Amino acid sequence: MTRTNLSMSISADGYVAGPDQSEEHPLGVGGEALHAWHLGPAKNHPVNQRVVADMMDGMGATIMGRNMFGPVRGDWGDSDWTGWWGDEPPYHCPVFVLTHHAHDPIELAGGTTFHFVTDGIDAAYAQAKSVAGERDISIAGGASCARQALAAGLVDEIDLQVSGVVLGSGERLLDGFAAGTPALELVRVLEAPGVAHLRYRVIG
């Protein structure tokens, strides 16, 4: 049965990206520190390797927001931007990018093709589900995409990688939700130096 997983690195004060996101600071000012657990030397820790494998291996499709895909705003124009990840992105599956502006698919090495969806999260999820088959679906972020998926009731579980970083401002994951929603059950806690990996099941 298909599992839909939302996985995000988050600061101790609840931000998944810092302020002032740009091409120079794609994760916002200070936001890159949230990802030291899998981008720096800590990526070799066995717990962190297990979490990355959970996030990436065997995914049938991924959904992300345009902010996560790149810094280009408004109409695409003649931009040749193909994402932050170089010629072979780590997804190795179809990726559906939420946007208000149509764009032809971008096919890159390793099985990653970016498809651009202009009619909302439900349409993106339907397309993801159609290609994923029985494999899992990843909601990759950023914050707006994640909130849309949660509000639409599409997420089965949330993995949060909580670091000791305090950003002070930026993008919060759960802004705009009423108290008690979504209802979550903590089902896994893993620890590695500088990070706690929490898994919640969405129960309502």
Protein backbone atom coordinates (compact mmCIF):
# COMPACT_ATOMS: atom_id res chain seq x y z
CA MET A 1 0.00 0.00 0.00
CA THR A 2 1.33 3.43 -0.92
CA ARG A 3 2.71 5.47 2.00
CA THR A 4 2.92 9.26 1.70
CA ASN A 5 5.79 10.64 3.75
CA LEU A 6 6.60 14.25 4.52
CA SER A 7 10.22 14.66 5.59
CA MET A 8 11.78 18.00 6.59
CA SER A 9 14.73 19.29 8.57
CA ILE A 10 13.58 21.77 11.20
CA SER A 11 15.15 24.15 13.69
CA ALA A 12 14.68 24.02 17.43
CA ASP A 13 12.35 27.02 17.12
CA GLY A 14 10.22 25.44 14.40
CA TYR A 15 11.54 26.82 11.11
CA VAL A 16 12.23 24.69 8.04
CA ALA A 17 13.94 27.54 6.16
CA GLY A 18 15.57 30.77 7.21
CA PRO A 19 14.58 34.27 6.05
CA ASP A 20 15.43 35.87 2.69
CA GLN A 21 15.58 32.80 0.45
CA SER A 22 17.49 33.51 -2.76
CA GLU A 23 19.85 31.86 -5.23
CA GLU A 24 22.68 32.71 -2.84
CA HIS A 25 20.74 31.37 0.16
CA PRO A 26 18.33 28.71 -1.20
CA LEU A 27 17.40 27.60 2.33
CA GLY A 28 17.23 31.16 3.64
CA VAL A 29 19.90 32.87 5.71
CA GLY A 30 21.16 30.28 8.18
CA GLY A 31 18.92 27.55 6.82
CA GLU A 32 21.72 25.37 5.48
CA ALA A 33 22.70 24.59 9.08
CA LEU A 34 19.50 22.54 9.39
CA HIS A 35 20.92 20.05 6.90
CA ALA A 36 24.37 19.51 8.41
CA TRP A 37 23.22 16.05 9.54
CA HIS A 38 23.17 14.81 5.92
CA LEU A 39 25.35 17.30 4.00
CA GLY A 40 28.42 17.49 6.24
CA PRO A 41 30.63 14.86 7.87
CA ALA A 42 27.67 13.70 9.98
CA LYS A 43 26.14 12.16 6.84
CA ASN A 44 28.31 9.09 7.49
CA HIS A 45 26.70 8.36 10.86
CA PRO A 46 24.70 5.11 10.56
CA VAL A 47 21.52 6.64 12.00
CA ASN A 48 21.65 9.51 9.52
CA GLN A 49 22.32 7.09 6.68
CA ARG A 50 19.26 5.09 7.72
CA VAL A 51 17.09 8.21 7.73
CA VAL A 52 18.32 9.30 4.29
CA ALA A 53 17.58 5.82 2.95
CA ASP A 54 14.06 6.05 4.39
CA MET A 55 13.61 9.42 2.66
CA MET A 56 14.95 8.51 -0.76
CA ASP A 57 15.20 4.81 -1.52
CA GLY A 58 12.44 3.25 -3.57
CA MET A 59 10.23 6.32 -3.78
CA GLY A 60 7.79 6.12 -6.66
CA ALA A 61 7.23 9.88 -6.94
CA THR A 62 8.07 13.15 -5.20
CA ILE A 63 6.10 16.38 -4.83
CA MET A 64 7.73 19.74 -4.12
CA GLY A 65 6.94 23.43 -4.32
CA ARG A 66 8.41 25.79 -6.85
CA ASN A 67 10.40 27.52 -4.11
CA MET A 68 12.22 24.25 -3.49
CA PHE A 69 12.84 23.73 -7.20
CA GLY A 70 14.54 27.08 -7.72
CA PRO A 71 14.73 30.84 -7.21
CA VAL A 72 12.99 31.88 -10.44
CA ARG A 73 9.77 33.79 -9.69
CA GLY A 74 6.82 34.63 -11.94
CA ASP A 75 6.86 33.58 -15.57
CA TRP A 76 9.73 31.29 -16.48
CA GLY A 77 10.72 33.40 -19.49
CA ASP A 78 13.89 32.09 -21.09
CA SER A 79 15.30 30.66 -17.85
CA ASP A 80 17.32 27.48 -18.28
CA TRP A 81 17.17 26.65 -14.55
CA THR A 82 16.96 22.88 -13.93
CA GLY A 83 16.99 22.78 -10.13
CA TRP A 84 19.50 23.02 -7.31
CA TRP A 85 20.87 19.47 -7.69
CA GLY A 86 23.01 19.45 -10.83
CA ASP A 87 22.78 17.05 -13.74
CA GLU A 88 21.78 14.03 -11.63
CA PRO A 89 19.36 14.97 -8.82
CA PRO A 90 18.99 12.58 -5.87
CA TYR A 91 15.32 11.76 -6.47
CA HIS A 92 15.57 9.07 -9.18
CA CYS A 93 11.81 9.22 -9.79
CA PRO A 94 9.26 11.59 -11.30
CA VAL A 95 9.05 14.88 -9.38
CA PHE A 96 5.90 17.02 -9.53
CA VAL A 97 6.54 20.72 -8.92
CA LEU A 98 3.67 22.97 -7.79
CA THR A 99 3.68 26.23 -9.75
CA HIS A 100 1.34 28.87 -11.15
CA HIS A 101 3.30 29.01 -14.41
CA ALA A 102 3.41 26.20 -16.97
CA HIS A 103 6.74 24.70 -17.99
CA ASP A 104 7.74 21.76 -20.17
CA PRO A 105 9.05 18.71 -18.27
CA ILE A 106 12.77 18.65 -17.52
CA GLU A 107 14.37 15.22 -17.82
CA LEU A 108 17.72 14.72 -16.11
CA ALA A 109 20.04 11.77 -15.50
CA GLY A 110 19.31 9.01 -13.03
CA GLY A 111 15.59 8.73 -13.63
CA THR A 112 14.56 12.19 -12.37
CA THR A 113 12.07 14.12 -14.49
CA PHE A 114 10.55 17.35 -13.18
CA HIS A 115 6.90 17.84 -14.15
CA PHE A 116 5.26 21.20 -13.51
CA VAL A 117 1.70 21.16 -12.16
CA THR A 118 -0.39 24.32 -12.35
CA ASP A 119 -3.70 23.10 -10.89
CA GLY A 120 -2.85 22.46 -7.26
CA ILE A 121 -1.77 19.87 -4.74
CA ASP A 122 -4.61 17.43 -5.41
CA ALA A 123 -3.74 17.29 -9.11
CA ALA A 124 -0.05 16.85 -8.32
CA TYR A 125 -0.87 14.05 -5.89
CA ALA A 126 -3.10 12.29 -8.42
CA GLN A 127 -0.30 12.37 -10.99
CA ALA A 128 2.24 11.18 -8.41
CA LYS A 129 0.00 8.31 -7.36
CA SER A 130 -0.58 7.25 -10.95
CA VAL A 131 3.15 6.80 -11.60
CA ALA A 132 4.12 5.53 -8.13
CA GLY A 133 1.94 2.42 -8.26
CA GLU A 134 2.49 0.59 -4.95
CA ARG A 135 5.66 2.54 -4.18
CA ASP A 136 5.78 5.39 -1.68
CA ILE A 137 5.27 9.10 -2.37
CA SER A 138 7.49 11.78 -0.83
CA ILE A 139 6.38 15.31 0.00
CA ALA A 140 9.76 17.03 -0.15
CA GLY A 141 8.82 20.61 0.80
CA GLY A 142 9.19 23.49 1.12
CA ALA A 143 6.92 24.74 3.85
CA SER A 144 4.04 25.91 1.66
CA CYS A 145 3.90 22.66 -0.31
CA ALA A 146 4.02 20.67 2.94
CA ARG A 147 1.20 22.71 4.49
CA GLN A 148 -0.95 22.22 1.38
CA ALA A 149 -0.41 18.46 1.48
CA LEU A 150 -1.25 18.31 5.19
CA ALA A 151 -4.35 20.48 4.80
CA ALA A 152 -5.55 18.22 1.96
CA GLY A 153 -5.20 15.13 4.15
CA LEU A 154 -2.63 13.50 1.86
CA VAL A 155 0.15 12.80 4.40
CA ASP A 156 0.40 9.49 6.29
CA GLU A 157 3.54 10.25 8.30
CA ILE A 158 5.87 13.13 9.08
CA ASP A 159 9.60 12.77 9.62
CA LEU A 160 11.23 15.75 11.32
CA GLN A 161 14.98 16.07 11.65
CA VAL A 162 15.31 18.46 14.60
CA SER A 163 18.64 20.24 15.04
CA GLY A 164 19.83 22.55 17.81
CA VAL A 165 19.85 25.52 15.42
CA VAL A 166 17.75 28.59 16.31
CA LEU A 167 16.87 30.65 13.21
CA GLY A 168 14.59 33.27 14.79
CA SER A 169 12.53 33.78 11.63
CA GLY A 170 11.81 32.22 8.27
CA GLU A 171 9.31 29.59 7.11
CA ARG A 172 7.42 27.56 9.71
CA LEU A 173 6.03 24.15 8.83
CA LEU A 174 2.71 24.30 10.68
CA ASP A 175 1.72 27.97 10.51
CA GLY A 176 -2.01 28.45 9.99
CA PHE A 177 -3.25 25.16 11.48
CA ALA A 178 -5.76 25.08 14.30
CA ALA A 179 -4.77 23.65 17.67
CA GLY A 180 -4.72 19.86 17.54
CA THR A 181 -4.56 19.63 13.76
CA PRO A 182 -3.11 17.65 12.30
CA ALA A 183 -3.39 15.08 15.09
CA LEU A 184 -0.08 13.27 15.43
CA GLU A 185 1.17 10.12 17.13
CA LEU A 186 4.89 9.86 17.85
CA VAL A 187 6.02 6.45 16.57
CA ARG A 188 9.84 6.67 16.31
CA VAL A 189 12.73 8.59 17.87
CA LEU A 190 16.29 8.20 16.58
CA GLU A 191 19.34 10.16 17.69
CA ALA A 192 22.62 11.13 16.09
CA PRO A 193 25.10 13.84 17.09
CA GLY A 194 23.37 17.21 16.86
CA VAL A 195 20.04 15.91 15.55
CA ALA A 196 16.94 14.05 16.74
CA HIS A 197 14.92 12.21 14.10
CA LEU A 198 11.23 12.13 15.01
CA ARG A 199 8.56 10.22 13.12
CA TYR A 200 4.88 11.01 13.61
CA ARG A 201 1.92 9.12 12.21
CA VAL A 202 -0.90 11.42 11.08
CA ILE A 203 -4.02 10.14 12.84
CA GLY A 204 -6.50 12.92 12.16
